[in-house]
Amino acid sequence: MCQDYGEASFYAVYDGHNGLDAAVYSSMYLHQFLVQSVHYPTNPEYALYESFFATDRGFTQKTEKYVSLI
């Protein structure tokens, strides 16, 4: 459950260096993982660290599912 800390802005550039699908997935989920972190907003650096890993893990799991179908 997320606690409401008021308004916040999140700006990001998703360059798709790992493909368009990675950029789209990141744009949909990175900010959600960030605010779900127990370290947000008190330790934003670590919350971002966690959210990058959560995003990577989620995208990897998603792509592995599709690769196994090929």
PDB file of N, CA and C in Angstrom:
ATOM      1  N   MET A   1       0.850  -1.172   0.000  1.00  0.00           N
ATOM      2  CA  MET A   1       0.000   0.000   0.000  1.00  0.00           C
ATOM      3  C   MET A   1       0.899   1.239   0.000  1.00  0.00           C
ATOM      4  N   CYS A   2       0.588   2.195  -0.855  1.00  0.00           N
ATOM      5  CA  CYS A   2       1.362   3.423  -0.964  1.00  0.00           C
ATOM      6  C   CYS A   2       0.747   4.501  -0.084  1.00  0.00           C
ATOM      7  N   GLN A   3       1.599   5.201   0.618  1.00  0.00           N
ATOM      8  CA  GLN A   3       1.148   6.336   1.411  1.00  0.00           C
ATOM      9  C   GLN A   3       1.193   7.574   0.533  1.00  0.00           C
ATOM     10  N   ASP A   4       0.219   8.438   0.677  1.00  0.00           N
ATOM     11  CA  ASP A   4       0.158   9.656  -0.116  1.00  0.00           C
ATOM     12  C   ASP A   4       1.056  10.712   0.518  1.00  0.00           C
ATOM     13  N   TYR A   5       2.123  11.089  -0.187  1.00  0.00           N
ATOM     14  CA  TYR A   5       3.039  12.125   0.280  1.00  0.00           C
ATOM     15  C   TYR A   5       2.807  13.442  -0.446  1.00  0.00           C
ATOM     16  N   GLY A   6       1.707  13.529  -1.153  1.00  0.00           N
ATOM     17  CA  GLY A   6       1.422  14.746  -1.896  1.00  0.00           C
ATOM     18  C   GLY A   6       1.887  14.619  -3.336  1.00  0.00           C
ATOM     19  N   GLU A   7       1.866  15.731  -4.016  1.00  0.00           N
ATOM     20  CA  GLU A   7       2.245  15.736  -5.431  1.00  0.00           C
ATOM     21  C   GLU A   7       3.739  15.571  -5.604  1.00  0.00           C
ATOM     22  N   ALA A   8       4.103  14.912  -6.671  1.00  0.00           N
ATOM     23  CA  ALA A   8       5.510  14.735  -7.034  1.00  0.00           C
ATOM     24  C   ALA A   8       5.597  14.692  -8.550  1.00  0.00           C
ATOM     25  N   SER A   9       6.735  15.045  -9.067  1.00  0.00           N
ATOM     26  CA  SER A   9       6.963  14.985 -10.513  1.00  0.00           C
ATOM     27  C   SER A   9       8.027  13.948 -10.804  1.00  0.00           C
ATOM     28  N   PHE A  10       7.861  13.236 -11.890  1.00  0.00           N
ATOM     29  CA  PHE A  10       8.808  12.214 -12.303  1.00  0.00           C
ATOM     30  C   PHE A  10       9.109  12.446 -13.770  1.00  0.00           C
ATOM     31  N   TYR A  11      10.361  12.741 -14.076  1.00  0.00           N
ATOM     32  CA  TYR A  11      10.780  12.985 -15.449  1.00  0.00           C
ATOM     33  C   TYR A  11      11.816  11.939 -15.822  1.00  0.00           C
ATOM     34  N   ALA A  12      11.658  11.369 -16.998  1.00  0.00           N
ATOM     35  CA  ALA A  12      12.599  10.340 -17.436  1.00  0.00           C
ATOM     36  C   ALA A  12      12.687  10.319 -18.952  1.00  0.00           C
ATOM     37  N   VAL A  13      13.819   9.857 -19.434  1.00  0.00           N
ATOM     38  CA  VAL A  13      14.022   9.638 -20.860  1.00  0.00           C
ATOM     39  C   VAL A  13      14.286   8.154 -21.029  1.00  0.00           C
ATOM     40  N   TYR A  14      13.449   7.517 -21.798  1.00  0.00           N
ATOM     41  CA  TYR A  14      13.593   6.082 -22.050  1.00  0.00           C
ATOM     42  C   TYR A  14      14.130   5.940 -23.466  1.00  0.00           C
ATOM     43  N   ASP A  15      15.431   5.672 -23.574  1.00  0.00           N
ATOM     44  CA  ASP A  15      16.078   5.692 -24.878  1.00  0.00           C
ATOM     45  C   ASP A  15      15.928   4.397 -25.662  1.00  0.00           C
ATOM     46  N   GLY A  16      15.485   3.342 -25.038  1.00  0.00           N
ATOM     47  CA  GLY A  16      15.275   2.102 -25.756  1.00  0.00           C
ATOM     48  C   GLY A  16      16.549   1.430 -26.213  1.00  0.00           C
ATOM     49  N   HIS A  17      17.656   1.670 -25.500  1.00  0.00           N
ATOM     50  CA  HIS A  17      18.929   1.047 -25.907  1.00  0.00           C
ATOM     51  C   HIS A  17      18.858  -0.472 -25.850  1.00  0.00           C
ATOM     52  N   ASN A  18      17.883  -0.987 -25.135  1.00  0.00           N
ATOM     53  CA  ASN A  18      17.670  -2.437 -25.103  1.00  0.00           C
ATOM     54  C   ASN A  18      16.428  -2.793 -25.919  1.00  0.00           C
ATOM     55  N   GLY A  19      16.063  -1.899 -26.831  1.00  0.00           N
ATOM     56  CA  GLY A  19      14.908  -2.125 -27.697  1.00  0.00           C
ATOM     57  C   GLY A  19      13.703  -1.302 -27.267  1.00  0.00           C
ATOM     58  N   LEU A  20      12.811  -1.118 -28.190  1.00  0.00           N
ATOM     59  CA  LEU A  20      11.607  -0.327 -27.953  1.00  0.00           C
ATOM     60  C   LEU A  20      10.755  -0.927 -26.833  1.00  0.00           C
ATOM     61  N   ASP A  21      10.654  -2.246 -26.791  1.00  0.00           N
ATOM     62  CA  ASP A  21       9.845  -2.887 -25.760  1.00  0.00           C
ATOM     63  C   ASP A  21      10.359  -2.578 -24.355  1.00  0.00           C
ATOM     64  N   ALA A  22      11.666  -2.515 -24.199  1.00  0.00           N
ATOM     65  CA  ALA A  22      12.252  -2.187 -22.895  1.00  0.00           C
ATOM     66  C   ALA A  22      11.898  -0.756 -22.492  1.00  0.00           C
ATOM     67  N   ALA A  23      11.944   0.153 -23.445  1.00  0.00           N
ATOM     68  CA  ALA A  23      11.600   1.551 -23.161  1.00  0.00           C
ATOM     69  C   ALA A  23      10.132   1.686 -22.783  1.00  0.00           C
ATOM     70  N   VAL A  24       9.265   1.002 -23.497  1.00  0.00           N
ATOM     71  CA  VAL A  24       7.829   1.072 -23.211  1.00  0.00           C
ATOM     72  C   VAL A  24       7.544   0.459 -21.841  1.00  0.00           C
ATOM     73  N   TYR A  25       8.112  -0.709 -21.563  1.00  0.00           N
ATOM     74  CA  TYR A  25       7.905  -1.358 -20.265  1.00  0.00           C
ATOM     75  C   TYR A  25       8.384  -0.442 -19.133  1.00  0.00           C
ATOM     76  N   SER A  26       9.558   0.140 -19.297  1.00  0.00           N
ATOM     77  CA  SER A  26      10.103   1.027 -18.268  1.00  0.00           C
ATOM     78  C   SER A  26       9.222   2.245 -18.050  1.00  0.00           C
ATOM     79  N   SER A  27       8.712   2.805 -19.134  1.00  0.00           N
ATOM     80  CA  SER A  27       7.864   3.996 -18.995  1.00  0.00           C
ATOM     81  C   SER A  27       6.551   3.669 -18.295  1.00  0.00           C
ATOM     82  N   MET A  28       6.126   2.412 -18.359  1.00  0.00           N
ATOM     83  CA  MET A  28       4.879   2.015 -17.708  1.00  0.00           C
ATOM     84  C   MET A  28       5.065   1.656 -16.238  1.00  0.00           C
ATOM     85  N   TYR A  29       6.239   1.127 -15.873  1.00  0.00           N
ATOM     86  CA  TYR A  29       6.378   0.549 -14.543  1.00  0.00           C
ATOM     87  C   TYR A  29       7.429   1.177 -13.627  1.00  0.00           C
ATOM     88  N   LEU A  30       8.442   1.825 -14.156  1.00  0.00           N
ATOM     89  CA  LEU A  30       9.529   2.337 -13.310  1.00  0.00           C
ATOM     90  C   LEU A  30       9.011   3.254 -12.209  1.00  0.00           C
ATOM     91  N   HIS A  31       8.167   4.203 -12.544  1.00  0.00           N
ATOM     92  CA  HIS A  31       7.660   5.144 -11.538  1.00  0.00           C
ATOM     93  C   HIS A  31       6.777   4.440 -10.513  1.00  0.00           C
ATOM     94  N   GLN A  32       6.067   3.387 -10.929  1.00  0.00           N
ATOM     95  CA  GLN A  32       5.248   2.639  -9.974  1.00  0.00           C
ATOM     96  C   GLN A  32       6.120   1.901  -8.960  1.00  0.00           C
ATOM     97  N   PHE A  33       7.176   1.254  -9.463  1.00  0.00           N
ATOM     98  CA  PHE A  33       8.097   0.567  -8.557  1.00  0.00           C
ATOM     99  C   PHE A  33       8.769   1.561  -7.615  1.00  0.00           C
ATOM    100  N   LEU A  34       9.026   2.760  -8.096  1.00  0.00           N
ATOM    101  CA  LEU A  34       9.667   3.783  -7.273  1.00  0.00           C
ATOM    102  C   LEU A  34       8.798   4.136  -6.072  1.00  0.00           C
ATOM    103  N   VAL A  35       7.545   4.469  -6.301  1.00  0.00           N
ATOM    104  CA  VAL A  35       6.681   4.889  -5.186  1.00  0.00           C
ATOM    105  C   VAL A  35       6.266   3.725  -4.297  1.00  0.00           C
ATOM    106  N   GLN A  36       6.388   2.489  -4.787  1.00  0.00           N
ATOM    107  CA  GLN A  36       6.079   1.322  -3.969  1.00  0.00           C
ATOM    108  C   GLN A  36       7.233   0.936  -3.048  1.00  0.00           C
ATOM    109  N   SER A  37       8.401   1.489  -3.273  1.00  0.00           N
ATOM    110  CA  SER A  37       9.564   1.178  -2.449  1.00  0.00           C
ATOM    111  C   SER A  37       9.356   1.679  -1.020  1.00  0.00           C
ATOM    112  N   VAL A  38       9.750   0.873  -0.050  1.00  0.00           N
ATOM    113  CA  VAL A  38       9.654   1.297   1.350  1.00  0.00           C
ATOM    114  C   VAL A  38      10.620   2.447   1.637  1.00  0.00           C
ATOM    115  N   HIS A  39      11.553   2.681   0.730  1.00  0.00           N
ATOM    116  CA  HIS A  39      12.541   3.746   0.908  1.00  0.00           C
ATOM    117  C   HIS A  39      12.103   5.079   0.305  1.00  0.00           C
ATOM    118  N   TYR A  40      10.938   5.078  -0.331  1.00  0.00           N
ATOM    119  CA  TYR A  40      10.426   6.310  -0.928  1.00  0.00           C
ATOM    120  C   TYR A  40       9.483   6.993   0.043  1.00  0.00           C
ATOM    121  N   PRO A  41       9.575   8.266   0.285  1.00  0.00           N
ATOM    122  CA  PRO A  41      10.475   9.266  -0.266  1.00  0.00           C
ATOM    123  C   PRO A  41      11.669   9.583   0.636  1.00  0.00           C
ATOM    124  N   THR A  42      11.827   8.847   1.728  1.00  0.00           N
ATOM    125  CA  THR A  42      12.873   9.200   2.694  1.00  0.00           C
ATOM    126  C   THR A  42      14.287   8.972   2.172  1.00  0.00           C
ATOM    127  N   ASN A  43      14.464   7.987   1.303  1.00  0.00           N
ATOM    128  CA  ASN A  43      15.777   7.691   0.735  1.00  0.00           C
ATOM    129  C   ASN A  43      15.604   7.501  -0.770  1.00  0.00           C
ATOM    130  N   PRO A  44      15.440   8.598  -1.514  1.00  0.00           N
ATOM    131  CA  PRO A  44      15.126   8.482  -2.940  1.00  0.00           C
ATOM    132  C   PRO A  44      16.211   7.786  -3.752  1.00  0.00           C
ATOM    133  N   GLU A  45      17.463   7.940  -3.344  1.00  0.00           N
ATOM    134  CA  GLU A  45      18.547   7.286  -4.090  1.00  0.00           C
ATOM    135  C   GLU A  45      18.392   5.762  -4.043  1.00  0.00           C
ATOM    136  N   TYR A  46      18.148   5.226  -2.860  1.00  0.00           N
ATOM    137  CA  TYR A  46      17.992   3.783  -2.742  1.00  0.00           C
ATOM    138  C   TYR A  46      16.666   3.319  -3.345  1.00  0.00           C
ATOM    139  N   ALA A  47      15.632   4.138  -3.241  1.00  0.00           N
ATOM    140  CA  ALA A  47      14.348   3.798  -3.852  1.00  0.00           C
ATOM    141  C   ALA A  47      14.495   3.688  -5.373  1.00  0.00           C
ATOM    142  N   LEU A  48      15.252   4.595  -5.977  1.00  0.00           N
ATOM    143  CA  LEU A  48      15.516   4.506  -7.418  1.00  0.00           C
ATOM    144  C   LEU A  48      16.320   3.255  -7.744  1.00  0.00           C
ATOM    145  N   TYR A  49      17.327   2.972  -6.934  1.00  0.00           N
ATOM    146  CA  TYR A  49      18.141   1.770  -7.112  1.00  0.00           C
ATOM    147  C   TYR A  49      17.247   0.529  -7.146  1.00  0.00           C
ATOM    148  N   GLU A  50      16.362   0.425  -6.159  1.00  0.00           N
ATOM    149  CA  GLU A  50      15.435  -0.709  -6.102  1.00  0.00           C
ATOM    150  C   GLU A  50      14.495  -0.740  -7.305  1.00  0.00           C
ATOM    151  N   SER A  51      13.990   0.408  -7.695  1.00  0.00           N
ATOM    152  CA  SER A  51      13.021   0.440  -8.789  1.00  0.00           C
ATOM    153  C   SER A  51      13.664   0.073 -10.128  1.00  0.00           C
ATOM    154  N   PHE A  52      14.934   0.442 -10.327  1.00  0.00           N
ATOM    155  CA  PHE A  52      15.628   0.031 -11.553  1.00  0.00           C
ATOM    156  C   PHE A  52      15.778  -1.484 -11.602  1.00  0.00           C
ATOM    157  N   PHE A  53      16.140  -2.081 -10.480  1.00  0.00           N
ATOM    158  CA  PHE A  53      16.286  -3.533 -10.443  1.00  0.00           C
ATOM    159  C   PHE A  53      14.936  -4.228 -10.606  1.00  0.00           C
ATOM    160  N   ALA A  54      13.885  -3.702  -9.986  1.00  0.00           N
ATOM    161  CA  ALA A  54      12.554  -4.293 -10.118  1.00  0.00           C
ATOM    162  C   ALA A  54      12.073  -4.209 -11.567  1.00  0.00           C
ATOM    163  N   THR A  55      12.328  -3.091 -12.217  1.00  0.00           N
ATOM    164  CA  THR A  55      11.946  -2.917 -13.614  1.00  0.00           C
ATOM    165  C   THR A  55      12.708  -3.894 -14.498  1.00  0.00           C
ATOM    166  N   ASP A  56      14.000  -4.002 -14.279  1.00  0.00           N
ATOM    167  CA  ASP A  56      14.823  -4.933 -15.058  1.00  0.00           C
ATOM    168  C   ASP A  56      14.357  -6.371 -14.857  1.00  0.00           C
ATOM    169  N   ARG A  57      14.102  -6.728 -13.625  1.00  0.00           N
ATOM    170  CA  ARG A  57      13.646  -8.089 -13.315  1.00  0.00           C
ATOM    171  C   ARG A  57      12.302  -8.376 -13.984  1.00  0.00           C
ATOM    172  N   GLY A  58      11.378  -7.434 -13.894  1.00  0.00           N
ATOM    173  CA  GLY A  58      10.065  -7.616 -14.509  1.00  0.00           C
ATOM    174  C   GLY A  58      10.140  -7.733 -16.017  1.00  0.00           C
ATOM    175  N   PHE A  59      10.957  -6.893 -16.646  1.00  0.00           N
ATOM    176  CA  PHE A  59      11.085  -6.956 -18.101  1.00  0.00           C
ATOM    177  C   PHE A  59      11.765  -8.249 -18.525  1.00  0.00           C
ATOM    178  N   THR A  60      12.770  -8.672 -17.787  1.00  0.00           N
ATOM    179  CA  THR A  60      13.469  -9.922 -18.099  1.00  0.00           C
ATOM    180  C   THR A  60      12.514 -11.106 -18.004  1.00  0.00           C
ATOM    181  N   GLN A  61      11.696 -11.143 -16.963  1.00  0.00           N
ATOM    182  CA  GLN A  61      10.731 -12.228 -16.817  1.00  0.00           C
ATOM    183  C   GLN A  61       9.722 -12.222 -17.956  1.00  0.00           C
ATOM    184  N   LYS A  62       9.292 -11.042 -18.338  1.00  0.00           N
ATOM    185  CA  LYS A  62       8.331 -10.931 -19.436  1.00  0.00           C
ATOM    186  C   LYS A  62       8.940 -11.431 -20.739  1.00  0.00           C
ATOM    187  N   THR A  63      10.158 -11.032 -21.042  1.00  0.00           N
ATOM    188  CA  THR A  63      10.774 -11.440 -22.299  1.00  0.00           C
ATOM    189  C   THR A  63      11.145 -12.917 -22.292  1.00  0.00           C
ATOM    190  N   GLU A  64      11.528 -13.462 -21.150  1.00  0.00           N
ATOM    191  CA  GLU A  64      11.855 -14.888 -21.090  1.00  0.00           C
ATOM    192  C   GLU A  64      10.629 -15.734 -21.398  1.00  0.00           C
ATOM    193  N   LYS A  65       9.459 -15.262 -20.989  1.00  0.00           N
ATOM    194  CA  LYS A  65       8.225 -15.981 -21.265  1.00  0.00           C
ATOM    195  C   LYS A  65       7.985 -16.076 -22.769  1.00  0.00           C
ATOM    196  N   TYR A  66       8.224 -14.974 -23.489  1.00  0.00           N
ATOM    197  CA  TYR A  66       8.006 -14.966 -24.919  1.00  0.00           C
ATOM    198  C   TYR A  66       9.096 -15.716 -25.671  1.00  0.00           C
ATOM    199  N   VAL A  67      10.319 -15.653 -25.196  1.00  0.00           N
ATOM    200  CA  VAL A  67      11.424 -16.359 -25.856  1.00  0.00           C
ATOM    201  C   VAL A  67      11.214 -17.860 -25.770  1.00  0.00           C
ATOM    202  N   SER A  68      10.677 -18.331 -24.641  1.00  0.00           N
ATOM    203  CA  SER A  68      10.453 -19.763 -24.492  1.00  0.00           C
ATOM    204  C   SER A  68       9.370 -20.276 -25.441  1.00  0.00           C
ATOM    205  N   LEU A  69       8.544 -19.410 -25.982  1.00  0.00           N
ATOM    206  CA  LEU A  69       7.503 -19.812 -26.919  1.00  0.00           C
ATOM    207  C   LEU A  69       8.031 -19.973 -28.338  1.00  0.00           C
ATOM    208  N   ILE A  70       9.203 -19.434 -28.591  1.00  0.00           N
ATOM    209  CA  ILE A  70       9.770 -19.476 -29.955  1.00  0.00           C
ATOM    210  C   ILE A  70      10.443 -20.805 -30.218  1.00  0.00           C
TER     211      ILE A  70
END
